[in-house]
N, C-alpha and C. Protein backbone atom coordinates (compact mmCIF):
# COMPACT_ATOMS: atom_id res chain seq x y z
N MET A 1 0.79 -1.26 0.21
CA MET A 1 0.06 -0.02 -0.17
C MET A 1 1.16 1.15 0.13
N HIS A 2 1.87 1.39 0.74
CA HIS A 2 2.90 2.46 0.69
C HIS A 2 3.43 2.67 -0.21
N ASN A 3 4.03 1.72 -1.12
CA ASN A 3 4.90 1.95 -2.27
C ASN A 3 3.62 2.37 -3.69
N SER A 4 2.30 2.07 -3.26
CA SER A 4 1.21 2.48 -4.28
C SER A 4 1.22 4.05 -4.08
N VAL A 5 0.84 4.30 -2.66
CA VAL A 5 0.78 5.91 -2.62
C VAL A 5 1.91 6.64 -2.78
N ASN A 6 3.13 6.17 -2.92
CA ASN A 6 4.28 7.23 -3.31
C ASN A 6 4.36 7.12 -4.89
N ALA A 7 3.93 6.01 -5.32
CA ALA A 7 4.03 5.96 -6.82
C ALA A 7 2.83 6.89 -7.30
N GLU A 8 1.67 6.79 -6.95
CA GLU A 8 0.95 7.75 -7.12
C GLU A 8 1.02 9.36 -6.98
N ARG A 9 1.92 9.68 -5.74
CA ARG A 9 2.20 10.75 -5.42
C ARG A 9 3.18 11.34 -6.62
N SER A 10 4.13 10.38 -7.06
CA SER A 10 5.18 10.69 -8.05
C SER A 10 4.65 11.09 -9.27
N ILE A 11 3.59 10.19 -9.85
CA ILE A 11 3.01 10.35 -11.02
C ILE A 11 2.16 11.83 -10.99
N LEU A 12 1.55 12.05 -9.75
CA LEU A 12 1.03 13.21 -9.72
C LEU A 12 1.69 14.59 -9.94
N ALA A 13 3.12 14.49 -9.08
CA ALA A 13 3.88 15.44 -9.11
C ALA A 13 4.66 15.65 -10.54
N GLU A 14 4.75 14.44 -11.15
CA GLU A 14 5.40 14.68 -12.59
C GLU A 14 4.29 15.18 -13.58
N THR A 15 3.15 14.94 -13.34
CA THR A 15 2.06 15.42 -14.12
C THR A 15 1.84 17.09 -13.91
N SER A 16 1.94 17.35 -12.86
CA SER A 16 1.57 18.58 -12.60
C SER A 16 2.98 19.41 -13.09
N SER A 17 4.15 19.02 -13.05
CA SER A 17 5.25 19.64 -13.43
C SER A 17 5.22 19.59 -14.83
N GLY A 18 4.70 18.82 -15.53
CA GLY A 18 4.79 18.83 -17.11
C GLY A 18 3.77 19.73 -17.39
N ILE A 19 2.63 19.83 -16.73
CA ILE A 19 1.63 20.92 -17.13
C ILE A 19 1.98 22.07 -16.88
N PHE A 20 2.68 22.61 -15.82
CA PHE A 20 3.39 23.73 -15.60
C PHE A 20 4.28 24.16 -16.52
N TYR A 21 5.13 23.05 -16.80
CA TYR A 21 6.04 23.45 -17.98
C TYR A 21 5.56 23.69 -19.31
N TYR A 22 4.39 23.16 -19.56
CA TYR A 22 3.60 23.37 -20.62
C TYR A 22 3.20 24.68 -21.07
N LEU A 23 2.59 25.24 -19.95
CA LEU A 23 1.84 26.41 -19.86
C LEU A 23 2.85 27.65 -19.85
N CYS A 24 4.12 27.43 -19.06
CA CYS A 24 5.15 28.64 -19.25
C CYS A 24 5.78 28.45 -20.73
N ASN A 25 6.17 27.14 -21.29
CA ASN A 25 6.67 27.06 -22.50
C ASN A 25 6.02 27.09 -23.73
N HIS A 26 4.78 27.09 -23.83
CA HIS A 26 3.84 27.16 -24.99
C HIS A 26 2.78 28.07 -24.99
N ILE A 27 2.57 28.75 -23.73
CA ILE A 27 1.29 29.79 -23.60
C ILE A 27 1.84 30.92 -22.97
N PHE A 28 2.36 30.85 -21.83
CA PHE A 28 2.73 32.07 -21.40
C PHE A 28 3.73 32.99 -21.73
N ASN A 29 4.87 32.29 -22.36
CA ASN A 29 5.60 33.02 -23.10
C ASN A 29 5.66 33.43 -24.32
N SER A 30 4.42 32.95 -25.00
CA SER A 30 3.96 33.61 -26.37
C SER A 30 3.10 34.83 -26.06
N ILE A 31 2.79 35.27 -24.77
CA ILE A 31 1.72 36.36 -24.43
C ILE A 31 2.70 37.67 -24.87
N PRO A 32 2.21 38.80 -25.80
CA PRO A 32 2.88 39.59 -26.05
C PRO A 32 2.75 40.83 -24.94
N SER A 33 3.20 40.40 -23.75
CA SER A 33 3.20 41.53 -22.67
C SER A 33 4.37 41.28 -21.83
N TYR A 34 5.17 42.31 -22.06
CA TYR A 34 6.69 42.17 -21.34
C TYR A 34 6.27 42.09 -19.66
N THR A 35 5.34 42.76 -19.19
CA THR A 35 4.91 42.93 -17.81
C THR A 35 4.51 41.28 -16.87
N PHE A 36 3.40 40.90 -18.27
CA PHE A 36 2.92 39.63 -17.64
C PHE A 36 4.03 38.44 -17.65
N ARG A 37 4.84 38.71 -18.73
CA ARG A 37 6.05 37.32 -18.73
C ARG A 37 6.87 37.72 -17.55
N HIS A 38 7.46 38.96 -17.48
CA HIS A 38 8.30 39.03 -16.42
C HIS A 38 7.47 38.78 -15.10
N TRP A 39 6.33 39.12 -14.74
CA TRP A 39 5.76 38.64 -13.48
C TRP A 39 5.82 37.07 -13.31
N MET A 40 5.67 36.38 -14.50
CA MET A 40 5.58 34.85 -14.20
C MET A 40 6.79 34.31 -14.03
N TYR A 41 8.20 35.13 -14.75
CA TYR A 41 9.37 34.57 -14.50
C TYR A 41 9.77 34.74 -13.00
N ARG A 42 9.38 35.82 -12.56
CA ARG A 42 9.54 36.33 -11.00
C ARG A 42 8.88 35.59 -10.11
N SER A 43 7.51 35.35 -10.46
CA SER A 43 6.59 35.03 -9.28
C SER A 43 6.49 33.34 -9.24
N LEU A 44 6.36 32.89 -10.60
CA LEU A 44 6.16 31.49 -10.77
C LEU A 44 7.40 30.55 -10.81
N LEU A 45 8.24 31.25 -11.56
CA LEU A 45 9.62 30.23 -11.76
C LEU A 45 10.81 30.85 -10.65
N GLY A 46 10.62 31.87 -10.18
CA GLY A 46 11.47 32.28 -9.10
C GLY A 46 12.99 32.94 -9.52
N TYR A 47 12.73 33.30 -10.69
CA TYR A 47 14.00 34.03 -11.54
C TYR A 47 14.31 35.15 -10.73
N LYS A 48 15.69 35.55 -10.80
CA LYS A 48 15.81 37.05 -10.21
C LYS A 48 16.33 37.86 -11.31
N LEU A 49 15.46 38.69 -11.79
CA LEU A 49 15.90 39.72 -12.94
C LEU A 49 16.15 40.90 -12.43
N GLY A 50 17.12 41.46 -13.21
CA GLY A 50 17.56 42.87 -12.75
C GLY A 50 16.85 43.90 -13.35
N LYS A 51 17.18 45.16 -12.90
CA LYS A 51 16.48 46.55 -13.54
C LYS A 51 16.77 46.31 -14.79
N ASP A 52 15.52 46.31 -15.60
CA ASP A 52 15.68 46.61 -17.14
C ASP A 52 16.26 45.40 -17.72
N ALA A 53 16.18 44.36 -17.06
CA ALA A 53 16.45 43.17 -17.93
C ALA A 53 15.14 42.80 -18.71
N THR A 54 15.49 42.21 -19.82
CA THR A 54 14.57 41.78 -20.72
C THR A 54 14.37 40.35 -21.15
N ILE A 55 13.41 39.52 -21.08
CA ILE A 55 13.45 38.39 -21.91
C ILE A 55 12.36 38.63 -22.81
N GLN A 56 12.63 37.94 -24.28
CA GLN A 56 11.53 38.45 -25.09
C GLN A 56 10.79 37.18 -25.23
N MET A 57 9.76 37.45 -26.04
CA MET A 57 8.83 36.25 -26.30
C MET A 57 9.59 34.85 -26.99
N ASN A 58 8.75 33.88 -26.53
CA ASN A 58 9.10 32.33 -26.94
C ASN A 58 10.29 31.83 -26.51
N CYS A 59 10.92 32.36 -25.29
CA CYS A 59 12.10 31.78 -24.66
C CYS A 59 11.82 30.47 -23.91
N TYR A 60 12.60 29.30 -24.18
CA TYR A 60 11.97 28.29 -23.42
C TYR A 60 12.78 28.02 -22.17
N VAL A 61 12.30 27.78 -21.11
CA VAL A 61 12.89 27.41 -19.80
C VAL A 61 12.91 26.14 -19.36
N TYR A 62 13.86 25.66 -18.51
CA TYR A 62 13.98 24.41 -18.19
C TYR A 62 13.82 23.91 -16.63
N CYS A 63 13.68 25.13 -15.86
CA CYS A 63 13.84 24.87 -14.51
C CYS A 63 13.45 26.10 -13.44
N ARG A 64 12.76 25.64 -12.74
CA ARG A 64 12.38 26.83 -11.48
C ARG A 64 13.53 27.28 -10.86
N GLY A 65 13.68 28.37 -10.43
CA GLY A 65 14.78 28.83 -9.83
C GLY A 65 15.98 28.88 -10.67
N ASN A 66 17.17 29.08 -9.93
CA ASN A 66 18.60 28.78 -10.35
C ASN A 66 18.98 29.85 -11.33
N LEU A 67 18.25 30.68 -11.82
CA LEU A 67 18.39 31.79 -12.87
C LEU A 67 18.44 33.22 -12.40
N VAL A 68 19.48 33.81 -12.45
CA VAL A 68 20.02 35.44 -12.19
C VAL A 68 20.43 35.97 -13.53
N ILE A 69 19.77 37.05 -13.61
CA ILE A 69 20.15 38.16 -14.83
C ILE A 69 20.08 39.48 -14.43
N GLY A 70 21.24 39.97 -14.84
CA GLY A 70 21.90 41.21 -14.30
C GLY A 70 20.88 42.36 -14.67
N ASP A 71 21.12 43.60 -14.35
CA ASP A 71 20.70 44.79 -15.03
C ASP A 71 20.91 45.10 -16.37
N GLY A 72 19.73 45.40 -17.21
CA GLY A 72 20.21 45.88 -18.60
C GLY A 72 20.39 44.72 -19.29
N THR A 73 20.18 43.62 -19.13
CA THR A 73 20.68 42.56 -20.00
C THR A 73 19.39 42.06 -20.93
N MET A 74 19.50 41.91 -22.08
CA MET A 74 18.75 41.83 -23.06
C MET A 74 18.83 40.14 -23.63
N ILE A 75 17.77 39.43 -23.38
CA ILE A 75 17.45 38.04 -23.74
C ILE A 75 16.67 38.24 -25.00
N ASN A 76 17.07 37.89 -26.29
CA ASN A 76 16.31 38.17 -27.57
C ASN A 76 15.16 36.81 -27.44
N ARG A 77 14.47 36.88 -28.58
CA ARG A 77 13.45 35.92 -28.95
C ARG A 77 14.02 34.39 -28.99
N ASP A 78 13.44 33.60 -28.85
CA ASP A 78 13.59 32.31 -28.92
C ASP A 78 14.62 31.35 -28.43
N CYS A 79 15.08 32.03 -27.54
CA CYS A 79 16.18 31.38 -26.81
C CYS A 79 15.98 30.23 -25.82
N VAL A 80 16.78 29.16 -25.60
CA VAL A 80 16.69 28.25 -24.71
C VAL A 80 17.46 28.59 -23.40
N LEU A 81 16.86 28.43 -22.08
CA LEU A 81 17.75 28.98 -20.80
C LEU A 81 17.50 27.94 -19.89
N ASP A 82 18.43 26.96 -19.75
CA ASP A 82 18.43 25.92 -18.77
C ASP A 82 19.19 26.42 -17.55
N SER A 83 18.24 26.34 -16.53
CA SER A 83 19.06 26.50 -15.32
C SER A 83 19.14 25.40 -14.44
N ARG A 84 18.88 24.38 -14.58
CA ARG A 84 18.92 22.92 -13.92
C ARG A 84 20.29 23.00 -13.16
N GLY A 85 21.20 23.40 -13.73
CA GLY A 85 22.63 23.13 -12.90
C GLY A 85 23.08 24.77 -12.27
N GLY A 86 22.18 25.76 -12.61
CA GLY A 86 22.62 27.16 -12.11
C GLY A 86 22.84 27.98 -13.20
N LEU A 87 22.22 29.14 -13.58
CA LEU A 87 22.84 30.05 -14.67
C LEU A 87 22.45 31.49 -14.22
N TYR A 88 23.94 32.06 -14.11
CA TYR A 88 23.98 33.31 -13.72
C TYR A 88 24.65 34.26 -15.20
N ILE A 89 23.69 35.06 -15.27
CA ILE A 89 24.05 35.71 -16.38
C ILE A 89 24.11 37.53 -15.74
N GLY A 90 25.11 38.40 -16.10
CA GLY A 90 25.57 39.46 -15.77
C GLY A 90 24.98 40.67 -16.29
N SER A 91 25.45 41.80 -16.15
CA SER A 91 24.82 43.04 -16.55
C SER A 91 25.09 43.44 -17.96
N GLN A 92 24.09 44.10 -18.55
CA GLN A 92 24.47 44.52 -19.86
C GLN A 92 25.00 43.40 -21.06
N VAL A 93 24.45 42.59 -20.83
CA VAL A 93 24.52 41.14 -21.65
C VAL A 93 23.33 41.29 -22.67
N ASN A 94 23.75 40.82 -23.90
CA ASN A 94 23.28 40.84 -25.11
C ASN A 94 23.36 39.19 -25.68
N ILE A 95 22.34 38.84 -25.71
CA ILE A 95 21.92 37.33 -25.89
C ILE A 95 21.03 37.40 -27.15
N SER A 96 21.52 37.09 -28.42
CA SER A 96 20.70 37.20 -29.68
C SER A 96 19.78 36.13 -29.86
N PRO A 97 18.92 36.08 -30.96
CA PRO A 97 17.71 35.10 -31.03
C PRO A 97 18.43 33.77 -31.20
N TYR A 98 17.57 32.55 -30.77
CA TYR A 98 17.90 31.27 -31.05
C TYR A 98 19.16 30.81 -30.20
N VAL A 99 19.74 31.66 -29.32
CA VAL A 99 20.86 31.12 -28.62
C VAL A 99 20.11 30.21 -27.59
N GLN A 100 21.10 29.06 -27.46
CA GLN A 100 20.82 27.87 -26.22
C GLN A 100 22.00 28.02 -25.42
N ILE A 101 21.62 27.75 -24.06
CA ILE A 101 22.36 27.78 -23.10
C ILE A 101 21.94 26.53 -21.98
N TYR A 102 22.52 25.81 -22.14
CA TYR A 102 22.34 24.57 -21.43
C TYR A 102 23.41 24.02 -19.85
N THR A 103 22.83 23.84 -19.16
CA THR A 103 23.72 23.44 -17.79
C THR A 103 23.69 22.23 -17.22
N ALA A 104 22.88 21.44 -17.96
CA ALA A 104 22.79 20.03 -17.85
C ALA A 104 23.03 18.91 -19.09
N GLN A 105 23.42 17.98 -18.83
CA GLN A 105 23.63 17.13 -20.15
C GLN A 105 23.90 15.68 -19.58
N HIS A 106 23.93 14.46 -20.46
CA HIS A 106 24.07 13.02 -19.90
C HIS A 106 25.39 12.62 -20.03
N ASP A 107 25.90 11.79 -19.22
CA ASP A 107 27.25 11.37 -19.34
C ASP A 107 27.24 10.19 -20.35
N ILE A 108 28.01 10.21 -21.34
CA ILE A 108 28.11 9.36 -22.62
C ILE A 108 28.52 8.21 -21.85
N ASN A 109 29.36 8.04 -20.92
CA ASN A 109 29.88 6.92 -20.64
C ASN A 109 29.30 6.00 -19.28
N SER A 110 28.15 6.51 -19.02
CA SER A 110 27.41 6.17 -17.88
C SER A 110 26.52 4.84 -18.47
N SER A 111 26.55 3.91 -17.77
CA SER A 111 25.48 2.70 -18.16
C SER A 111 24.14 3.16 -17.94
N THR A 112 23.86 4.02 -17.02
CA THR A 112 22.54 4.63 -16.70
C THR A 112 22.10 5.90 -17.46
N PHE A 113 22.94 6.37 -18.21
CA PHE A 113 22.86 7.51 -19.31
C PHE A 113 22.62 8.79 -18.11
N ALA A 114 23.32 8.85 -16.99
CA ALA A 114 23.20 9.67 -15.93
C ALA A 114 23.27 11.24 -16.44
N GLU A 115 22.56 11.98 -15.74
CA GLU A 115 22.54 13.29 -15.87
C GLU A 115 23.52 14.04 -15.10
N GLU A 116 24.53 14.76 -15.71
CA GLU A 116 25.54 15.76 -15.16
C GLU A 116 25.18 17.25 -15.00
N ARG A 117 25.08 18.12 -14.31
CA ARG A 117 24.84 19.29 -14.09
C ARG A 117 26.02 20.17 -13.62
N ALA A 118 26.14 21.40 -14.42
CA ALA A 118 27.43 22.13 -14.14
C ALA A 118 26.79 23.66 -14.23
N ALA A 119 26.96 24.80 -13.14
CA ALA A 119 26.73 25.90 -13.74
C ALA A 119 27.20 26.66 -14.93
N VAL A 120 26.67 27.50 -15.49
CA VAL A 120 27.28 28.38 -16.82
C VAL A 120 26.95 30.00 -16.08
N THR A 121 28.30 30.87 -16.22
CA THR A 121 28.17 32.24 -15.65
C THR A 121 28.74 32.74 -16.95
N ILE A 122 28.02 33.79 -17.03
CA ILE A 122 28.29 34.73 -18.19
C ILE A 122 28.23 36.08 -17.74
N GLY A 123 29.66 36.76 -17.84
CA GLY A 123 30.10 38.01 -17.33
C GLY A 123 29.33 39.42 -17.73
N ASP A 124 29.73 40.28 -17.20
CA ASP A 124 28.95 41.60 -17.95
C ASP A 124 29.33 41.96 -19.05
N TYR A 125 28.50 42.57 -19.96
CA TYR A 125 29.07 43.00 -21.39
C TYR A 125 29.34 41.99 -22.15
N VAL A 126 28.91 40.74 -22.19
CA VAL A 126 29.14 39.79 -23.18
C VAL A 126 27.98 39.79 -24.28
N TRP A 127 28.46 39.40 -25.57
CA TRP A 127 27.38 39.53 -26.32
C TRP A 127 27.59 38.00 -27.00
N ILE A 128 26.57 37.26 -26.91
CA ILE A 128 26.25 35.97 -27.58
C ILE A 128 25.44 35.91 -28.90
N SER A 129 26.10 36.06 -30.21
CA SER A 129 25.34 36.12 -31.12
C SER A 129 24.61 34.84 -31.61
N THR A 130 23.64 35.00 -32.78
CA THR A 130 22.65 34.16 -32.98
C THR A 130 22.91 32.85 -33.10
N ARG A 131 22.12 31.95 -32.90
CA ARG A 131 22.26 30.36 -32.83
C ARG A 131 23.62 29.84 -32.30
N ALA A 132 24.31 30.60 -31.24
CA ALA A 132 25.32 29.90 -30.48
C ALA A 132 24.67 29.01 -29.43
N THR A 133 25.73 28.21 -29.10
CA THR A 133 25.35 26.92 -28.26
C THR A 133 26.18 27.42 -27.01
N VAL A 134 25.94 27.38 -25.56
CA VAL A 134 26.90 27.24 -24.64
C VAL A 134 26.61 26.11 -23.70
N LEU A 135 27.68 25.21 -23.33
CA LEU A 135 27.17 23.93 -22.99
C LEU A 135 27.82 23.94 -21.32
N PRO A 136 27.33 23.03 -20.60
CA PRO A 136 27.36 23.13 -19.19
C PRO A 136 28.76 23.46 -18.57
N GLY A 137 28.92 23.87 -17.54
CA GLY A 137 30.29 24.21 -16.96
C GLY A 137 31.12 25.54 -17.33
N VAL A 138 30.52 26.16 -18.52
CA VAL A 138 31.29 27.29 -19.30
C VAL A 138 31.23 28.46 -18.32
N THR A 139 32.21 29.44 -18.28
CA THR A 139 32.15 30.56 -17.80
C THR A 139 32.77 31.73 -18.99
N LEU A 140 31.69 32.40 -19.24
CA LEU A 140 32.19 33.55 -20.32
C LEU A 140 32.59 34.91 -19.49
N GLU A 141 33.76 35.27 -19.22
CA GLU A 141 34.31 36.24 -18.60
C GLU A 141 33.58 37.55 -19.42
N GLU A 142 33.91 38.69 -18.46
CA GLU A 142 33.42 39.95 -19.05
C GLU A 142 33.74 40.63 -20.38
N GLY A 143 32.95 40.80 -21.16
CA GLY A 143 33.19 41.30 -22.37
C GLY A 143 33.56 40.24 -23.62
N VAL A 144 33.47 39.12 -23.37
CA VAL A 144 33.27 38.09 -24.37
C VAL A 144 32.41 38.19 -25.53
N VAL A 145 32.81 37.94 -26.76
CA VAL A 145 31.95 38.01 -27.83
C VAL A 145 31.97 36.56 -28.45
N VAL A 146 30.75 35.74 -28.51
CA VAL A 146 30.82 34.54 -29.14
C VAL A 146 30.03 34.70 -30.36
N ALA A 147 30.52 34.35 -31.49
CA ALA A 147 30.19 34.35 -32.84
C ALA A 147 29.17 33.64 -33.17
N ALA A 148 28.10 33.92 -34.23
CA ALA A 148 26.97 33.44 -34.63
C ALA A 148 27.27 31.93 -34.83
N GLY A 149 26.61 31.02 -34.39
CA GLY A 149 26.91 29.70 -34.80
C GLY A 149 27.89 28.58 -33.98
N ALA A 150 28.61 29.73 -32.96
CA ALA A 150 29.49 28.98 -32.28
C ALA A 150 28.98 27.92 -31.24
N VAL A 151 29.69 26.74 -30.98
CA VAL A 151 29.46 25.88 -29.99
C VAL A 151 30.60 26.11 -28.77
N VAL A 152 30.27 26.66 -27.68
CA VAL A 152 31.41 26.96 -26.47
C VAL A 152 31.33 25.67 -25.69
N THR A 153 32.51 25.22 -25.65
CA THR A 153 32.49 23.99 -24.79
C THR A 153 33.40 24.03 -23.61
N LYS A 154 34.15 25.08 -23.42
CA LYS A 154 35.08 25.63 -22.42
C LYS A 154 35.17 27.08 -22.11
N SER A 155 35.39 27.68 -21.18
CA SER A 155 35.41 28.77 -20.37
C SER A 155 36.17 29.71 -21.46
N VAL A 156 36.03 30.71 -21.66
CA VAL A 156 36.52 31.86 -22.41
C VAL A 156 36.89 33.12 -21.38
N PRO A 157 38.32 33.51 -21.68
CA PRO A 157 38.81 34.65 -20.58
C PRO A 157 38.27 35.97 -21.29
N ALA A 158 38.55 36.98 -20.62
CA ALA A 158 37.62 38.20 -20.72
C ALA A 158 38.08 38.84 -22.03
N TYR A 159 37.22 39.47 -22.75
CA TYR A 159 37.51 40.39 -23.74
C TYR A 159 37.89 39.57 -25.11
N LYS A 160 37.67 38.07 -24.97
CA LYS A 160 38.10 37.35 -26.20
C LYS A 160 36.75 37.18 -27.30
N ILE A 161 36.97 37.02 -28.36
CA ILE A 161 36.11 36.86 -29.38
C ILE A 161 36.63 35.34 -29.61
N VAL A 162 35.09 34.52 -29.70
CA VAL A 162 35.46 33.23 -30.16
C VAL A 162 34.31 32.47 -31.07
N GLY A 163 34.77 31.68 -32.03
CA GLY A 163 33.76 31.22 -32.90
C GLY A 163 34.46 30.03 -33.69
N GLY A 164 33.35 29.29 -33.78
CA GLY A 164 33.43 27.72 -34.66
C GLY A 164 32.83 26.74 -33.80
N VAL A 165 33.26 25.58 -34.14
CA VAL A 165 32.70 24.32 -33.67
C VAL A 165 34.07 23.41 -33.63
N PRO A 166 34.35 23.09 -32.22
CA PRO A 166 34.05 23.62 -31.09
C PRO A 166 34.83 25.51 -31.02
N ALA A 167 34.22 26.22 -30.31
CA ALA A 167 34.83 27.57 -30.29
C ALA A 167 36.24 27.73 -30.01
N GLN A 168 36.76 28.52 -30.88
CA GLN A 168 38.18 28.96 -30.59
C GLN A 168 38.28 30.27 -30.37
N ILE A 169 39.41 30.68 -29.93
CA ILE A 169 39.60 32.42 -29.88
C ILE A 169 40.19 32.82 -31.27
N ILE A 170 39.59 33.91 -31.78
CA ILE A 170 39.80 34.40 -33.10
C ILE A 170 39.75 35.75 -33.08
N GLY A 171 39.95 36.65 -31.78
CA GLY A 171 40.39 38.05 -31.76
C GLY A 171 39.98 38.38 -30.42
N GLU A 172 40.15 39.62 -30.27
CA GLU A 172 40.14 40.20 -28.98
C GLU A 172 39.39 41.49 -29.17
N ARG A 173 38.45 41.76 -28.04
CA ARG A 173 37.34 43.09 -27.88
C ARG A 173 38.17 44.19 -27.28
N ASP A 174 37.42 45.22 -27.58
CA ASP A 174 38.13 46.68 -26.95
C ASP A 174 37.63 46.38 -25.40
N LYS A 175 38.48 46.86 -24.37
CA LYS A 175 38.11 46.85 -23.21
C LYS A 175 37.25 48.11 -22.71
N ASN A 176 37.27 48.94 -23.19
CA ASN A 176 36.31 50.14 -22.69
C ASN A 176 34.83 49.93 -23.22
N LEU A 177 34.18 49.37 -22.51
CA LEU A 177 32.61 49.08 -22.86
C LEU A 177 31.90 49.80 -21.80
N ASN A 178 30.92 50.57 -22.61
CA ASN A 178 29.98 51.19 -21.54
C ASN A 178 29.00 51.17 -22.20
N TYR A 179 28.12 50.34 -22.52
CA TYR A 179 26.43 50.44 -23.25
C TYR A 179 25.67 49.82 -22.56
N ILE A 180 24.13 49.87 -22.76
CA ILE A 180 23.02 49.28 -22.04
C ILE A 180 22.48 48.88 -23.51
N PRO A 181 22.35 47.51 -23.85
CA PRO A 181 21.61 47.00 -24.75
C PRO A 181 19.94 46.65 -24.63
N VAL A 182 19.54 47.65 -23.83
CA VAL A 182 17.90 47.71 -23.64
C VAL A 182 17.18 47.76 -25.11
N TRP A 183 16.70 47.21 -25.42
CA TRP A 183 15.69 46.98 -26.48
C TRP A 183 14.26 46.30 -26.40
N ARG A 184 13.29 46.95 -26.18
CA ARG A 184 12.10 46.38 -26.03
C ARG A 184 11.12 46.47 -26.83
N PRO A 185 11.04 46.21 -28.11
CA PRO A 185 10.08 46.53 -29.28
C PRO A 185 8.64 46.19 -28.64
N LEU A 186 7.79 47.08 -29.36
CA LEU A 186 6.10 46.92 -28.98
C LEU A 186 5.70 45.56 -29.19
N MET A 187 5.00 44.81 -28.48
CA MET A 187 4.21 43.75 -28.38
C MET A 187 5.53 42.35 -28.31
N GLN A 188 6.42 42.85 -27.60
CA GLN A 188 7.50 41.61 -27.28
C GLN A 188 7.80 41.58 -25.95
């Protein structure tokens, strides 16, 4: 009897979690109201969003909590934000459309396909260009630029420009950065 009750509770918890994420990722995130979406991210998901931080429409989220976004940061439409392992995004960061940031993956050598989690940290004034992917455990230090389509598998030192698959250092960025990438188009 005890195992049956636990199994029913587990199924109920899994079902309610699935419904919650369906609502967040297929209904709420498509509502063209910055105010409503940010209320949802703060209240229902427990995300910490800095002053003037923006998450545009159709971003897919993986986890409640574990996400901190600094002041003036812009996360463009259709991004994947996986905070299962912890996702920390600094201030004045520009994340372009279709970027994917993962903090969990599977151990390819595990007989049980075990999950591994590792935090991703993104410093201030980082720009991650369209369709780039950042993998678990990566730190992008201040001022880093990730080129379009790059796959970042290792941490990147401050003010470096990386590109390619896997991402390699291809240049260096000016260290005198002082901009605010706030862009909030109507109905986004």
